[in-house]
Amino acid sequence: MKTVLKKTVLEKLMKERGYDERSLSKVMGVAPSTVYRILKDERGVGGEIIPKLLKAFNLTEDDFGMLFIFQESLPYDNGREGVSK
């Protein structure tokens, strides 16, 4: 299962708080390039980023669904036999 960021919600929260990429990265304690890559879908959100994003917006674990969804990964062949890469 993959955790996917609701990017539009993140951008809305950033706007409400007056955060740009650099200020959000400072609050999260990560490099500005990390936030840039997340916003450009060049980097996923993993176990180290999720709590930092929640903390940056004073959200709790109960608010997880506000910013993230679980997406189930399908196999390459989508479960069909005889399909090759």
C-alpha atoms as a PDB file:
ATOM      1  CA  MET A   1       0.000   0.000   0.000  1.00  0.00           C
ATOM      2  CA  LYS A   2       1.264   3.453  -0.889  1.00  0.00           C
ATOM      3  CA  THR A   3       0.601   6.722   0.950  1.00  0.00           C
ATOM      4  CA  VAL A   4      -0.326   9.541  -1.408  1.00  0.00           C
ATOM      5  CA  LEU A   5      -0.372  13.228  -0.530  1.00  0.00           C
ATOM      6  CA  LYS A   6      -3.479  15.262  -1.295  1.00  0.00           C
ATOM      7  CA  LYS A   7      -1.474  17.996  -2.984  1.00  0.00           C
ATOM      8  CA  THR A   8      -4.375  20.436  -3.396  1.00  0.00           C
ATOM      9  CA  VAL A   9      -5.084  20.248   0.345  1.00  0.00           C
ATOM     10  CA  LEU A  10      -1.406  20.842   1.130  1.00  0.00           C
ATOM     11  CA  GLU A  11      -1.300  23.851  -1.186  1.00  0.00           C
ATOM     12  CA  LYS A  12      -4.466  25.252   0.441  1.00  0.00           C
ATOM     13  CA  LEU A  13      -2.985  24.813   3.929  1.00  0.00           C
ATOM     14  CA  MET A  14       0.257  26.453   2.793  1.00  0.00           C
ATOM     15  CA  LYS A  15      -1.672  29.435   1.445  1.00  0.00           C
ATOM     16  CA  GLU A  16      -3.737  29.744   4.656  1.00  0.00           C
ATOM     17  CA  ARG A  17      -0.560  29.728   6.784  1.00  0.00           C
ATOM     18  CA  GLY A  18       1.400  31.984   4.450  1.00  0.00           C
ATOM     19  CA  TYR A  19       3.982  29.269   3.753  1.00  0.00           C
ATOM     20  CA  ASP A  20       6.026  29.113   0.605  1.00  0.00           C
ATOM     21  CA  GLU A  21       8.269  26.136  -0.156  1.00  0.00           C
ATOM     22  CA  ARG A  22      11.188  27.579   1.771  1.00  0.00           C
ATOM     23  CA  SER A  23       9.239  28.505   4.910  1.00  0.00           C
ATOM     24  CA  LEU A  24       7.461  25.135   4.978  1.00  0.00           C
ATOM     25  CA  SER A  25      10.778  23.342   4.648  1.00  0.00           C
ATOM     26  CA  LYS A  26      12.147  25.339   7.582  1.00  0.00           C
ATOM     27  CA  VAL A  27       9.155  24.427   9.779  1.00  0.00           C
ATOM     28  CA  MET A  28       9.460  20.775   8.747  1.00  0.00           C
ATOM     29  CA  GLY A  29      13.223  20.681   9.246  1.00  0.00           C
ATOM     30  CA  VAL A  30      13.959  19.462   5.720  1.00  0.00           C
ATOM     31  CA  ALA A  31      15.772  20.894   2.728  1.00  0.00           C
ATOM     32  CA  PRO A  32      13.755  23.239   0.491  1.00  0.00           C
ATOM     33  CA  SER A  33      14.430  20.853  -2.381  1.00  0.00           C
ATOM     34  CA  THR A  34      12.505  18.150  -0.507  1.00  0.00           C
ATOM     35  CA  VAL A  35       9.353  20.274  -0.362  1.00  0.00           C
ATOM     36  CA  TYR A  36       9.828  21.326  -3.992  1.00  0.00           C
ATOM     37  CA  ARG A  37      10.123  17.710  -5.118  1.00  0.00           C
ATOM     38  CA  ILE A  38       7.041  16.698  -3.110  1.00  0.00           C
ATOM     39  CA  LEU A  39       4.982  19.485  -4.678  1.00  0.00           C
ATOM     40  CA  LYS A  40       6.195  18.581  -8.168  1.00  0.00           C
ATOM     41  CA  ASP A  41       5.395  14.868  -7.657  1.00  0.00           C
ATOM     42  CA  GLU A  42       9.077  14.006  -7.983  1.00  0.00           C
ATOM     43  CA  ARG A  43       9.198  12.544  -4.476  1.00  0.00           C
ATOM     44  CA  GLY A  44       6.695  10.537  -2.529  1.00  0.00           C
ATOM     45  CA  VAL A  45       5.849  10.970   1.114  1.00  0.00           C
ATOM     46  CA  GLY A  46       7.195   8.311   3.416  1.00  0.00           C
ATOM     47  CA  GLY A  47       7.472   7.593   7.088  1.00  0.00           C
ATOM     48  CA  GLU A  48       9.854  10.462   7.781  1.00  0.00           C
ATOM     49  CA  ILE A  49       7.870  13.134   5.892  1.00  0.00           C
ATOM     50  CA  ILE A  50       4.337  12.342   7.066  1.00  0.00           C
ATOM     51  CA  PRO A  51       4.833  13.288  10.749  1.00  0.00           C
ATOM     52  CA  LYS A  52       6.755  16.420   9.756  1.00  0.00           C
ATOM     53  CA  LEU A  53       3.922  17.595   7.528  1.00  0.00           C
ATOM     54  CA  LEU A  54       1.327  16.882  10.209  1.00  0.00           C
ATOM     55  CA  LYS A  55       3.381  18.763  12.795  1.00  0.00           C
ATOM     56  CA  ALA A  56       3.983  21.722  10.447  1.00  0.00           C
ATOM     57  CA  PHE A  57       0.228  22.320  10.301  1.00  0.00           C
ATOM     58  CA  ASN A  58      -0.513  21.359  13.929  1.00  0.00           C
ATOM     59  CA  LEU A  59      -2.450  18.294  12.776  1.00  0.00           C
ATOM     60  CA  THR A  60      -2.741  15.077  14.747  1.00  0.00           C
ATOM     61  CA  GLU A  61      -2.706  11.458  13.643  1.00  0.00           C
ATOM     62  CA  ASP A  62      -6.506  11.682  13.614  1.00  0.00           C
ATOM     63  CA  ASP A  63      -6.180  14.300  10.841  1.00  0.00           C
ATOM     64  CA  PHE A  64      -4.116  11.930   8.667  1.00  0.00           C
ATOM     65  CA  GLY A  65      -6.963  11.491   6.173  1.00  0.00           C
ATOM     66  CA  MET A  66      -7.122  15.219   5.629  1.00  0.00           C
ATOM     67  CA  LEU A  67      -3.692  15.240   3.939  1.00  0.00           C
ATOM     68  CA  PHE A  68      -3.121  11.653   2.823  1.00  0.00           C
ATOM     69  CA  ILE A  69      -4.838   8.690   1.241  1.00  0.00           C
ATOM     70  CA  PHE A  70      -3.775   5.077   0.999  1.00  0.00           C
ATOM     71  CA  GLN A  71      -3.507   3.831  -2.543  1.00  0.00           C
ATOM     72  CA  GLU A  72      -3.227   0.154  -3.246  1.00  0.00           C
ATOM     73  CA  SER A  73      -0.583  -0.695  -5.814  1.00  0.00           C
ATOM     74  CA  LEU A  74      -1.592  -3.157  -8.472  1.00  0.00           C
ATOM     75  CA  PRO A  75       0.912  -5.545  -9.981  1.00  0.00           C
ATOM     76  CA  TYR A  76       2.195  -4.679 -13.444  1.00  0.00           C
ATOM     77  CA  ASP A  77      -0.072  -7.242 -15.075  1.00  0.00           C
ATOM     78  CA  ASN A  78      -3.027  -6.208 -12.905  1.00  0.00           C
ATOM     79  CA  GLY A  79      -3.376  -9.824 -11.848  1.00  0.00           C
ATOM     80  CA  ARG A  80      -3.805 -11.154 -15.401  1.00  0.00           C
ATOM     81  CA  GLU A  81      -1.835 -14.176 -16.455  1.00  0.00           C
ATOM     82  CA  GLY A  82       0.207 -14.104 -19.625  1.00  0.00           C
ATOM     83  CA  VAL A  83       0.971 -10.385 -19.573  1.00  0.00           C
ATOM     84  CA  SER A  84       4.658  -9.589 -19.787  1.00  0.00           C
ATOM     85  CA  LYS A  85       6.640  -6.403 -19.334  1.00  0.00           C
END
